[in-house]
Protein backbone atom coordinates (compact mmCIF):
# COMPACT_ATOMS: atom_id res chain seq x y z
CA MET A 1 80.27 116.59 130.71
CA ALA A 2 79.99 113.65 128.27
CA ASP A 3 77.00 115.36 126.61
CA ASP A 4 78.92 118.57 126.00
CA PRO A 5 79.09 118.98 122.18
CA SER A 6 82.45 120.79 122.42
CA LEU A 7 84.10 117.63 123.83
CA LYS A 8 82.91 115.12 121.20
CA ALA A 9 86.23 115.19 119.32
CA ARG A 10 88.81 112.60 120.32
CA CYS A 11 92.58 112.51 119.92
CA TRP A 12 93.70 110.07 117.23
CA GLY A 13 96.67 109.04 119.39
CA CYS A 14 95.45 108.58 122.94
CA GLY A 15 91.68 108.90 122.56
CA GLY A 16 91.49 111.81 125.00
CA ALA A 17 88.67 114.34 124.79
CA LEU A 18 89.37 117.48 122.77
CA ASP A 19 87.72 120.83 122.36
CA ARG A 20 86.86 121.58 118.73
CA GLN A 21 89.41 124.41 118.58
CA ASP A 22 92.31 122.34 120.01
CA ARG A 23 95.27 122.03 117.66
CA TYR A 24 97.14 119.63 119.93
CA CYS A 25 95.97 117.00 122.40
CA ARG A 26 96.17 118.11 126.01
CA GLY A 27 96.96 114.57 127.10
CA CYS A 28 99.64 113.36 124.70
CA GLY A 29 100.60 116.51 122.77
CA ARG A 30 99.94 115.06 119.30
CA GLY A 31 98.84 117.41 116.54
CA GLN A 32 95.23 117.25 115.44
CA GLY A 33 93.70 117.86 112.02
CA GLU A 34 96.04 119.89 109.84
CA TYR A 35 98.60 119.97 112.67
CA VAL A 36 99.47 116.28 112.39
CA ALA A 37 103.25 115.77 112.21
CA TRP A 38 104.75 115.86 108.70
CA TYR A 39 105.84 112.22 108.80
CA TYR A 40 102.20 111.12 109.14
CA GLN A 41 101.22 113.04 106.00
CA PRO A 42 101.13 110.92 102.80
CA TRP A 43 104.07 112.80 101.25
CA GLY A 44 106.06 112.42 104.48
CA ILE A 45 105.43 108.68 104.54
CA ALA A 46 106.65 108.42 100.94
CA VAL A 47 109.81 110.44 101.65
CA CYS A 48 110.67 108.49 104.81
CA THR A 49 109.99 105.13 103.18
CA LEU A 50 111.98 105.84 100.01
CA LEU A 51 114.92 107.57 101.70
CA GLY A 52 115.63 105.15 104.48
CA LEU A 53 112.88 103.39 106.34
CA GLY A 54 111.96 100.94 103.60
CA PRO A 55 109.45 98.42 104.93
CA PHE A 56 109.59 100.06 108.35
CA GLY A 57 107.56 102.86 106.74
CA LEU A 58 104.57 100.59 107.33
CA LEU A 59 104.62 101.75 110.95
CA LEU A 60 103.92 105.30 109.76
CA VAL A 61 101.24 104.09 107.36
CA TRP A 62 99.25 102.28 110.03
CA ARG A 63 99.66 105.02 112.64
CA SER A 64 98.72 107.89 110.32
CA PRO A 65 95.38 109.54 111.08
CA ARG A 66 95.42 111.02 107.56
CA LEU A 67 94.99 107.74 105.68
CA SER A 68 91.72 105.86 105.40
CA ARG A 69 91.70 102.11 105.96
CA THR A 70 91.58 101.52 102.19
CA ALA A 71 94.51 103.89 101.65
CA GLN A 72 96.48 102.14 104.41
CA TRP A 73 96.02 98.79 102.64
CA ALA A 74 97.00 100.34 99.29
CA TRP A 75 100.14 101.89 100.80
CA THR A 76 100.97 98.57 102.47
CA ALA A 77 100.68 96.69 99.18
CA ALA A 78 102.80 99.27 97.36
CA ILE A 79 105.53 99.29 100.02
CA LEU A 80 105.66 95.49 100.13
CA LEU A 81 105.83 95.26 96.32
CA VAL A 82 108.66 97.78 96.13
CA THR A 83 110.48 96.03 98.99
CA GLY A 84 110.14 92.68 97.21
CA TRP A 85 111.41 94.20 93.96
CA VAL A 86 114.43 95.73 95.73
CA LEU A 87 115.24 92.43 97.45
CA LEU A 88 114.97 90.53 94.16
CA ALA A 89 117.22 93.07 92.42
CA ALA A 90 119.75 92.83 95.27
CA TYR A 91 119.71 89.03 95.05
CA ARG A 92 120.25 89.11 91.28
CA LEU A 93 123.12 91.56 91.73
CA TRP A 94 124.69 89.29 94.35
CA VAL A 95 124.43 86.26 92.06
CA SER A 96 125.95 88.23 89.20
CA ILE A 97 128.85 89.45 91.33
CA MET A 98 129.50 85.96 92.70
CA SER A 99 129.56 84.47 89.19
CA GLN A 100 132.03 87.18 88.10
CA VAL A 101 134.24 86.45 91.12
CA SER A 102 134.04 82.72 90.37
CA GLU A 103 135.14 83.32 86.78
CA ILE A 104 138.04 85.48 87.92
CA LEU A 105 139.16 82.83 90.41
CA LYS A 106 138.96 80.09 87.75
CA LEU A 107 141.27 82.07 85.48
CA GLY A 108 143.77 82.55 88.26
CA LEU A 109 145.68 85.62 89.24
CA PRO A 110 148.21 87.01 86.79
CA THR A 111 151.80 86.65 87.95
């Protein structure tokens, strides 16, 4: 059975044996080839990361069977850079707001 050429494909999720014509794994139910879930596609990772997951999008990057190891590292670097930029912008906004509040409090409230 191990020498059967039709069973040489393996599921990217569980490692179970697949027939060449299988669209989904018989063991775990994950899509194979072009039937991989949309959120494991590069465009799906980008949408999920930008619209809500943020740095948690790295989980999708490293679990995606569609991305090569080099692409996974590139996506990781890009997501971390964008996350750092957003955190820095949020910090600068916070400092700006706090300085404005401090100025307002120094002037006192109008009576």
